[in-house]
Every structure is written in structure tokens, then in C-alpha cells.
Amino acid sequence: MSFESNDVKLKFNENASQYDSQRKKLIPCFDDFYSIATSIAETTTNNPSILDIGAGTGLLSSFILDKFPKANVTLIDISEKMLDVAKARFKDNPNVRFIIDDYTNCKFDIKYDVVISSLSIHHLSGDEKKQLYHNIYSSLNKNGVFINADQVLGESPFIESLYKRDWRYKVENSGLSREEILSAYERAKLDKMSTLADQINWLQDSGFLDVDCVYKYFNFVVLFGRK
């Protein structure tokens, strides 16, 4: 595990118990962000095999399971405390399994119909993102889909400053405590965001078809690709 990965693990372990309760206040577009990611998770089977990369507390997986209640879902995350919350969330579902690991180093031994991720991949460097997209492509069944609900870097310094200014204004007026806001700002220092254009190119270079940004709200995006 790299120094940076360990830092991400520690920060999210610290925030695991409050993570879900803060989501709507830290993601101004929360409802669209998650509902659109869920709506484009299409598959021809009623019990798809789904992989959630950087799953955290399992928030996105919970929406996916509402859509596909018979799905077999694997959640992988580096933070054991975040997965503890997910385990409690899915304690009555025997079709959900958990892997505590750094997903950049993990080779998946089965094929999936859908791979999802939310607010995790932006912690990786550009080279790590590119390699991960190749790994995800290899782990999908034919016609399988990848959905990444995440944050991107502005295409220019001016646009990036616009994104940050808007987010900070909304977070400062969200009702979160000062301590919660400062904690969010500290976690944001771990971000290694890449531009939307770069990530679309990397997905296409990995072999994905029909690559698109199906939703965008400032720097919050939902990306789609199909094998």
C-alpha cells in the first residue's frame, strides 16, 4: 500500500460513522447524481453480478440493489471502517460480499455484468486511473457496463476555481458544523482529480464503447462505458 493510499484509508476510517449523514450536504446534486448512476445500470439478467469499486459504506450499491434485488454484489474498499457500515447495511442480504483491499492492486477472478464506483477513483493518479480502467474492462462480461459517479478536474485553472468556489459556498451554507466542514476540506486535499476529457479518452483507450458523460453538475459527473 502506498503512502497516499494509507492516508486515504486513515481519513475515511475516521469519518466512516458520519459519512452517509453528510452526503446530501456535501454533494449539492445528490439526488440526480445517484439516481442517474442507478438508472443507467442496465443488464439483461435479473440477478446480475455487480462489483462496487471503492464502495465505502455501500451507498450506491444500496440504490443498485433496490433496482436489482436479486443481484450478487461485491464491495471492495481500502477502509475497513467504511465497509463495517456497509456490512451493517446489508446484514440481511446473503448475496453481498466484502473485500478489504486496495482495488488498484486487486485482480478480479470472475466476470461482472456491471461495475460501479462512486466518489473514489478521483483519489488515484492519472496513470492509476488508466490502469484501473483497463482492469475494469477486462473484468466485465461482454455488453457489461461501467458506471463511475465521481468528481473531475476543471479543464482550465479558471473553470477549476469556479467549481471549487461554488462547492465551498454550498458546503458553507449546508448546515454542517464547522468541524464537519473542515474535515471535508481536509479529505479534499487527498484528491487527484483528472479532467473529464482525459477520462473519456482513457475509457475509450481501454476498449470501452459508447463512452459518455451522461450527467454533469460542475465537477460532479456520471461516466458510462460499455464492453
C-alpha atoms as a PDB file:
ATOM      1  CA  MET A   1       0.000   0.000   0.000  1.00  0.00           C
ATOM      2  CA  SER A   2       1.381   3.410  -0.950  1.00  0.00           C
ATOM      3  CA  PHE A   3       1.723   6.293   1.491  1.00  0.00           C
ATOM      4  CA  GLU A   4      -1.101   8.107  -0.300  1.00  0.00           C
ATOM      5  CA  SER A   5      -3.393   5.061  -0.163  1.00  0.00           C
ATOM      6  CA  ASN A   6      -2.762   4.674   3.549  1.00  0.00           C
ATOM      7  CA  ASP A   7      -3.614   8.346   4.092  1.00  0.00           C
ATOM      8  CA  VAL A   8      -6.925   7.875   2.241  1.00  0.00           C
ATOM      9  CA  LYS A   9      -7.643   4.807   4.369  1.00  0.00           C
ATOM     10  CA  LEU A  10      -6.964   6.666   7.626  1.00  0.00           C
ATOM     11  CA  LYS A  11      -9.059   9.704   6.687  1.00  0.00           C
ATOM     12  CA  PHE A  12     -12.064   7.630   5.662  1.00  0.00           C
ATOM     13  CA  ASN A  13     -11.760   5.336   8.662  1.00  0.00           C
ATOM     14  CA  GLU A  14     -12.028   8.469  10.812  1.00  0.00           C
ATOM     15  CA  ASN A  15     -15.172   9.664   9.024  1.00  0.00           C
ATOM     16  CA  ALA A  16     -16.954   6.350   8.439  1.00  0.00           C
ATOM     17  CA  SER A  17     -19.690   6.750  11.051  1.00  0.00           C
ATOM     18  CA  GLN A  18     -20.714  10.205   9.770  1.00  0.00           C
ATOM     19  CA  TYR A  19     -20.164   9.616   6.064  1.00  0.00           C
ATOM     20  CA  ASP A  20     -23.713   8.839   4.930  1.00  0.00           C
ATOM     21  CA  SER A  21     -25.374  11.510   7.054  1.00  0.00           C
ATOM     22  CA  GLN A  22     -23.169  14.168   5.430  1.00  0.00           C
ATOM     23  CA  ARG A  23     -23.617  13.086   1.805  1.00  0.00           C
ATOM     24  CA  LYS A  24     -26.583  15.276   0.843  1.00  0.00           C
ATOM     25  CA  LYS A  25     -24.865  18.323   2.293  1.00  0.00           C
ATOM     26  CA  LEU A  26     -21.501  17.667   0.642  1.00  0.00           C
ATOM     27  CA  ILE A  27     -22.958  16.702  -2.746  1.00  0.00           C
ATOM     28  CA  PRO A  28     -25.273  19.524  -3.840  1.00  0.00           C
ATOM     29  CA  CYS A  29     -26.628  17.380  -6.690  1.00  0.00           C
ATOM     30  CA  PHE A  30     -27.039  14.263  -4.509  1.00  0.00           C
ATOM     31  CA  ASP A  31     -30.419  13.077  -5.848  1.00  0.00           C
ATOM     32  CA  ASP A  32     -29.567  13.361  -9.547  1.00  0.00           C
ATOM     33  CA  PHE A  33     -26.024  12.109  -9.006  1.00  0.00           C
ATOM     34  CA  TYR A  34     -27.081   8.778  -7.519  1.00  0.00           C
ATOM     35  CA  SER A  35     -30.390   8.287  -9.329  1.00  0.00           C
ATOM     36  CA  ILE A  36     -28.841   8.758 -12.768  1.00  0.00           C
ATOM     37  CA  ALA A  37     -25.952   6.418 -11.939  1.00  0.00           C
ATOM     38  CA  THR A  38     -28.537   3.839 -10.891  1.00  0.00           C
ATOM     39  CA  SER A  39     -30.831   4.354 -13.877  1.00  0.00           C
ATOM     40  CA  ILE A  40     -28.093   3.639 -16.450  1.00  0.00           C
ATOM     41  CA  ALA A  41     -27.054   0.390 -14.756  1.00  0.00           C
ATOM     42  CA  GLU A  42     -28.777  -1.781 -17.350  1.00  0.00           C
ATOM     43  CA  THR A  43     -28.345  -5.526 -17.790  1.00  0.00           C
ATOM     44  CA  THR A  44     -30.312  -8.345 -19.403  1.00  0.00           C
ATOM     45  CA  THR A  45     -30.379 -10.572 -16.314  1.00  0.00           C
ATOM     46  CA  ASN A  46     -32.470 -10.263 -13.145  1.00  0.00           C
ATOM     47  CA  ASN A  47     -29.606 -11.425 -10.934  1.00  0.00           C
ATOM     48  CA  PRO A  48     -26.561  -9.614 -12.312  1.00  0.00           C
ATOM     49  CA  SER A  49     -23.089  -9.918 -10.876  1.00  0.00           C
ATOM     50  CA  ILE A  50     -22.056  -6.440  -9.738  1.00  0.00           C
ATOM     51  CA  LEU A  51     -18.740  -5.062  -8.490  1.00  0.00           C
ATOM     52  CA  ASP A  52     -18.646  -1.826  -6.492  1.00  0.00           C
ATOM     53  CA  ILE A  53     -15.131  -0.351  -6.557  1.00  0.00           C
ATOM     54  CA  GLY A  54     -14.246   1.940  -3.667  1.00  0.00           C
ATOM     55  CA  ALA A  55     -17.640   1.037  -2.263  1.00  0.00           C
ATOM     56  CA  GLY A  56     -17.270   2.796   1.079  1.00  0.00           C
ATOM     57  CA  THR A  57     -20.474   2.468   3.087  1.00  0.00           C
ATOM     58  CA  GLY A  58     -22.277   0.821   0.179  1.00  0.00           C
ATOM     59  CA  LEU A  59     -24.485   3.813  -0.557  1.00  0.00           C
ATOM     60  CA  LEU A  60     -24.502   3.415  -4.347  1.00  0.00           C
ATOM     61  CA  SER A  61     -24.832  -0.369  -4.007  1.00  0.00           C
ATOM     62  CA  SER A  62     -27.941   0.155  -1.888  1.00  0.00           C
ATOM     63  CA  PHE A  63     -29.606   2.043  -4.729  1.00  0.00           C
ATOM     64  CA  ILE A  64     -28.482  -0.587  -7.233  1.00  0.00           C
ATOM     65  CA  LEU A  65     -29.908  -3.359  -5.050  1.00  0.00           C
ATOM     66  CA  ASP A  66     -33.246  -1.549  -4.919  1.00  0.00           C
ATOM     67  CA  LYS A  67     -33.240  -1.880  -8.710  1.00  0.00           C
ATOM     68  CA  PHE A  68     -31.827  -5.431  -8.832  1.00  0.00           C
ATOM     69  CA  PRO A  69     -32.809  -7.084  -5.514  1.00  0.00           C
ATOM     70  CA  LYS A  70     -31.533 -10.496  -6.701  1.00  0.00           C
ATOM     71  CA  ALA A  71     -28.100  -9.187  -7.712  1.00  0.00           C
ATOM     72  CA  ASN A  72     -24.876 -10.674  -6.400  1.00  0.00           C
ATOM     73  CA  VAL A  73     -22.816  -7.692  -5.278  1.00  0.00           C
ATOM     74  CA  THR A  74     -19.159  -7.497  -4.298  1.00  0.00           C
ATOM     75  CA  LEU A  75     -17.988  -4.406  -2.450  1.00  0.00           C
ATOM     76  CA  ILE A  76     -14.274  -3.598  -2.308  1.00  0.00           C
ATOM     77  CA  ASP A  77     -12.729  -0.767  -0.314  1.00  0.00           C
ATOM     78  CA  ILE A  78      -9.465   0.022   1.420  1.00  0.00           C
ATOM     79  CA  SER A  79     -11.220   1.316   4.550  1.00  0.00           C
ATOM     80  CA  GLU A  80     -12.388  -1.417   6.896  1.00  0.00           C
ATOM     81  CA  LYS A  81     -14.416   1.093   8.937  1.00  0.00           C
ATOM     82  CA  MET A  82     -16.368   2.191   5.859  1.00  0.00           C
ATOM     83  CA  LEU A  83     -17.065  -1.443   4.981  1.00  0.00           C
ATOM     84  CA  ASP A  84     -18.209  -2.063   8.549  1.00  0.00           C
ATOM     85  CA  VAL A  85     -21.020   0.414   7.860  1.00  0.00           C
ATOM     86  CA  ALA A  86     -21.776  -1.410   4.599  1.00  0.00           C
ATOM     87  CA  LYS A  87     -21.833  -4.762   6.384  1.00  0.00           C
ATOM     88  CA  ALA A  88     -24.415  -3.422   8.825  1.00  0.00           C
ATOM     89  CA  ARG A  89     -26.438  -2.003   5.932  1.00  0.00           C
ATOM     90  CA  PHE A  90     -26.551  -5.341   4.094  1.00  0.00           C
ATOM     91  CA  LYS A  91     -26.530  -7.683   7.093  1.00  0.00           C
ATOM     92  CA  ASP A  92     -29.703  -9.426   5.936  1.00  0.00           C
ATOM     93  CA  ASN A  93     -28.579  -9.920   2.345  1.00  0.00           C
ATOM     94  CA  PRO A  94     -26.560 -13.133   1.793  1.00  0.00           C
ATOM     95  CA  ASN A  95     -25.781 -12.105  -1.798  1.00  0.00           C
ATOM     96  CA  VAL A  96     -23.463  -9.276  -0.760  1.00  0.00           C
ATOM     97  CA  ARG A  97     -19.791  -9.938  -0.063  1.00  0.00           C
ATOM     98  CA  PHE A  98     -16.975  -7.669   1.036  1.00  0.00           C
ATOM     99  CA  ILE A  99     -13.284  -7.331   0.205  1.00  0.00           C
ATOM    100  CA  ILE A 100     -10.992  -5.107   2.268  1.00  0.00           C
ATOM    101  CA  ASP A 101      -8.197  -4.302  -0.172  1.00  0.00           C
ATOM    102  CA  ASP A 102      -6.600  -1.645  -2.340  1.00  0.00           C
ATOM    103  CA  TYR A 103      -8.539  -2.133  -5.571  1.00  0.00           C
ATOM    104  CA  THR A 104      -5.654  -0.787  -7.666  1.00  0.00           C
ATOM    105  CA  ASN A 105      -3.693  -3.922  -6.727  1.00  0.00           C
ATOM    106  CA  CYS A 106      -6.562  -6.392  -6.849  1.00  0.00           C
ATOM    107  CA  LYS A 107      -7.056  -8.820  -9.744  1.00  0.00           C
ATOM    108  CA  PHE A 108     -10.654  -9.935 -10.016  1.00  0.00           C
ATOM    109  CA  ASP A 109     -11.045 -13.628 -10.742  1.00  0.00           C
ATOM    110  CA  ILE A 110     -14.623 -13.541 -12.024  1.00  0.00           C
ATOM    111  CA  LYS A 111     -16.500 -11.555 -14.657  1.00  0.00           C
ATOM    112  CA  TYR A 112     -19.150  -8.984 -13.811  1.00  0.00           C
ATOM    113  CA  ASP A 113     -22.220  -7.686 -15.621  1.00  0.00           C
ATOM    114  CA  VAL A 114     -21.940  -4.245 -14.052  1.00  0.00           C
ATOM    115  CA  VAL A 115     -19.048  -2.422 -12.398  1.00  0.00           C
ATOM    116  CA  ILE A 116     -19.898   0.714 -10.427  1.00  0.00           C
ATOM    117  CA  SER A 117     -17.929   3.277  -8.474  1.00  0.00           C
ATOM    118  CA  SER A 118     -18.804   6.492  -6.680  1.00  0.00           C
ATOM    119  CA  LEU A 119     -16.548   9.226  -5.322  1.00  0.00           C
ATOM    120  CA  SER A 120     -13.451   7.053  -5.128  1.00  0.00           C
ATOM    121  CA  ILE A 121     -11.446   6.945  -8.358  1.00  0.00           C
ATOM    122  CA  HIS A 122     -10.612  10.653  -8.102  1.00  0.00           C
ATOM    123  CA  HIS A 123      -8.151   9.686  -5.360  1.00  0.00           C
ATOM    124  CA  LEU A 124      -5.944   7.964  -7.970  1.00  0.00           C
ATOM    125  CA  SER A 125      -3.246   9.487 -10.139  1.00  0.00           C
ATOM    126  CA  GLY A 126      -3.794   9.681 -13.884  1.00  0.00           C
ATOM    127  CA  ASP A 127      -1.655   6.606 -14.537  1.00  0.00           C
ATOM    128  CA  GLU A 128      -3.504   4.679 -11.840  1.00  0.00           C
ATOM    129  CA  LYS A 129      -6.852   5.643 -13.351  1.00  0.00           C
ATOM    130  CA  LYS A 130      -5.741   4.473 -16.795  1.00  0.00           C
ATOM    131  CA  GLN A 131      -4.592   1.099 -15.451  1.00  0.00           C
ATOM    132  CA  LEU A 132      -7.760   0.701 -13.403  1.00  0.00           C
ATOM    133  CA  TYR A 133      -9.951   1.338 -16.443  1.00  0.00           C
ATOM    134  CA  HIS A 134      -8.075  -1.410 -18.300  1.00  0.00           C
ATOM    135  CA  ASN A 135      -8.595  -3.752 -15.340  1.00  0.00           C
ATOM    136  CA  ILE A 136     -12.299  -2.936 -15.158  1.00  0.00           C
ATOM    137  CA  TYR A 137     -12.737  -3.549 -18.880  1.00  0.00           C
ATOM    138  CA  SER A 138     -11.085  -6.960 -18.506  1.00  0.00           C
ATOM    139  CA  SER A 139     -13.343  -7.852 -15.571  1.00  0.00           C
ATOM    140  CA  LEU A 140     -16.605  -7.208 -17.453  1.00  0.00           C
ATOM    141  CA  ASN A 141     -18.699  -9.686 -19.377  1.00  0.00           C
ATOM    142  CA  LYS A 142     -19.495  -8.828 -22.991  1.00  0.00           C
ATOM    143  CA  ASN A 143     -22.055  -5.989 -23.048  1.00  0.00           C
ATOM    144  CA  GLY A 144     -21.234  -5.318 -19.411  1.00  0.00           C
ATOM    145  CA  VAL A 145     -21.290  -1.691 -18.313  1.00  0.00           C
ATOM    146  CA  PHE A 146     -19.101   0.519 -16.154  1.00  0.00           C
ATOM    147  CA  ILE A 147     -20.574   3.490 -14.319  1.00  0.00           C
ATOM    148  CA  ASN A 148     -18.390   5.980 -12.475  1.00  0.00           C
ATOM    149  CA  ALA A 149     -20.105   8.687 -10.435  1.00  0.00           C
ATOM    150  CA  ASP A 150     -17.216  10.893  -9.463  1.00  0.00           C
ATOM    151  CA  GLN A 151     -15.535  14.284  -9.481  1.00  0.00           C
ATOM    152  CA  VAL A 152     -13.388  15.712 -12.263  1.00  0.00           C
ATOM    153  CA  LEU A 153     -10.842  18.482 -12.575  1.00  0.00           C
ATOM    154  CA  GLY A 154     -11.791  21.652 -14.398  1.00  0.00           C
ATOM    155  CA  GLU A 155     -10.456  21.891 -17.942  1.00  0.00           C
ATOM    156  CA  SER A 156      -8.664  25.141 -17.076  1.00  0.00           C
ATOM    157  CA  PRO A 157      -7.500  26.853 -13.869  1.00  0.00           C
ATOM    158  CA  PHE A 158     -10.369  29.335 -14.217  1.00  0.00           C
ATOM    159  CA  ILE A 159     -13.005  26.586 -14.525  1.00  0.00           C
ATOM    160  CA  GLU A 160     -11.455  24.666 -11.626  1.00  0.00           C
ATOM    161  CA  SER A 161     -11.624  27.761  -9.416  1.00  0.00           C
ATOM    162  CA  LEU A 162     -15.269  28.222 -10.443  1.00  0.00           C
ATOM    163  CA  TYR A 163     -16.026  24.621  -9.418  1.00  0.00           C
ATOM    164  CA  LYS A 164     -14.288  24.992  -6.060  1.00  0.00           C
ATOM    165  CA  ARG A 165     -15.881  28.342  -5.307  1.00  0.00           C
ATOM    166  CA  ASP A 166     -19.390  27.024  -5.969  1.00  0.00           C
ATOM    167  CA  TRP A 167     -18.845  23.858  -3.903  1.00  0.00           C
ATOM    168  CA  ARG A 168     -17.365  25.725  -0.957  1.00  0.00           C
ATOM    169  CA  TYR A 169     -20.214  28.242  -0.939  1.00  0.00           C
ATOM    170  CA  LYS A 170     -22.805  25.471  -0.891  1.00  0.00           C
ATOM    171  CA  VAL A 171     -20.958  23.442   1.756  1.00  0.00           C
ATOM    172  CA  GLU A 172     -20.539  26.521   3.967  1.00  0.00           C
ATOM    173  CA  ASN A 173     -24.304  27.084   3.794  1.00  0.00           C
ATOM    174  CA  SER A 174     -25.340  23.431   4.086  1.00  0.00           C
ATOM    175  CA  GLY A 175     -25.945  23.280   7.813  1.00  0.00           C
ATOM    176  CA  LEU A 176     -22.867  21.152   8.525  1.00  0.00           C
ATOM    177  CA  SER A 177     -20.902  22.061  11.631  1.00  0.00           C
ATOM    178  CA  ARG A 178     -17.611  23.904  11.274  1.00  0.00           C
ATOM    179  CA  GLU A 179     -15.786  20.756  12.368  1.00  0.00           C
ATOM    180  CA  GLU A 180     -17.536  18.700   9.675  1.00  0.00           C
ATOM    181  CA  ILE A 181     -16.750  21.290   7.004  1.00  0.00           C
ATOM    182  CA  LEU A 182     -13.083  21.456   7.952  1.00  0.00           C
ATOM    183  CA  SER A 183     -12.910  17.652   7.925  1.00  0.00           C
ATOM    184  CA  ALA A 184     -14.354  17.631   4.399  1.00  0.00           C
ATOM    185  CA  TYR A 185     -11.781  20.205   3.297  1.00  0.00           C
ATOM    186  CA  GLU A 186      -9.005  18.028   4.734  1.00  0.00           C
ATOM    187  CA  ARG A 187     -10.248  14.989   2.813  1.00  0.00           C
ATOM    188  CA  ALA A 188     -10.401  17.086  -0.349  1.00  0.00           C
ATOM    189  CA  LYS A 189      -6.634  17.596  -0.070  1.00  0.00           C
ATOM    190  CA  LEU A 190      -6.257  13.895  -0.944  1.00  0.00           C
ATOM    191  CA  ASP A 191      -7.959  14.382  -4.328  1.00  0.00           C
ATOM    192  CA  LYS A 192      -6.001  13.767  -7.530  1.00  0.00           C
ATOM    193  CA  MET A 193      -8.729  14.688  -9.957  1.00  0.00           C
ATOM    194  CA  SER A 194      -8.290  14.382 -13.718  1.00  0.00           C
ATOM    195  CA  THR A 195     -10.190  16.255 -16.403  1.00  0.00           C
ATOM    196  CA  LEU A 196     -13.345  14.898 -17.966  1.00  0.00           C
ATOM    197  CA  ALA A 197     -11.722  14.882 -21.417  1.00  0.00           C
ATOM    198  CA  ASP A 198      -8.779  12.812 -20.184  1.00  0.00           C
ATOM    199  CA  GLN A 199     -11.010  10.257 -18.527  1.00  0.00           C
ATOM    200  CA  ILE A 200     -13.249   9.837 -21.557  1.00  0.00           C
ATOM    201  CA  ASN A 201     -10.111   9.261 -23.640  1.00  0.00           C
ATOM    202  CA  TRP A 202      -8.734   6.739 -21.149  1.00  0.00           C
ATOM    203  CA  LEU A 203     -12.002   4.801 -21.112  1.00  0.00           C
ATOM    204  CA  GLN A 204     -12.036   4.673 -24.906  1.00  0.00           C
ATOM    205  CA  ASP A 205      -8.371   3.648 -24.995  1.00  0.00           C
ATOM    206  CA  SER A 206      -9.227   0.778 -22.633  1.00  0.00           C
ATOM    207  CA  GLY A 207     -11.706  -0.559 -25.206  1.00  0.00           C
ATOM    208  CA  PHE A 208     -14.992   0.789 -23.877  1.00  0.00           C
ATOM    209  CA  LEU A 209     -17.743   1.575 -26.377  1.00  0.00           C
ATOM    210  CA  ASP A 210     -20.459   4.226 -26.118  1.00  0.00           C
ATOM    211  CA  VAL A 211     -18.381   6.216 -23.654  1.00  0.00           C
ATOM    212  CA  ASP A 212     -20.245   9.268 -22.448  1.00  0.00           C
ATOM    213  CA  CYS A 213     -20.648  11.739 -19.627  1.00  0.00           C
ATOM    214  CA  VAL A 214     -24.368  11.268 -19.084  1.00  0.00           C
ATOM    215  CA  TYR A 215     -24.598  13.798 -16.247  1.00  0.00           C
ATOM    216  CA  LYS A 216     -22.576  16.792 -15.137  1.00  0.00           C
ATOM    217  CA  TYR A 217     -23.057  19.318 -12.344  1.00  0.00           C
ATOM    218  CA  PHE A 218     -19.965  21.493 -12.027  1.00  0.00           C
ATOM    219  CA  ASN A 219     -17.281  18.892 -11.237  1.00  0.00           C
ATOM    220  CA  PHE A 220     -19.696  16.071 -10.311  1.00  0.00           C
ATOM    221  CA  VAL A 221     -20.113  13.698 -13.248  1.00  0.00           C
ATOM    222  CA  VAL A 222     -21.559  10.303 -14.116  1.00  0.00           C
ATOM    223  CA  LEU A 223     -19.470   8.475 -16.728  1.00  0.00           C
ATOM    224  CA  PHE A 224     -20.613   5.460 -18.729  1.00  0.00           C
ATOM    225  CA  GLY A 225     -18.869   2.861 -20.839  1.00  0.00           C
ATOM    226  CA  ARG A 226     -19.902  -0.493 -22.343  1.00  0.00           C
ATOM    227  CA  LYS A 227     -17.833  -3.553 -23.245  1.00  0.00           C
END
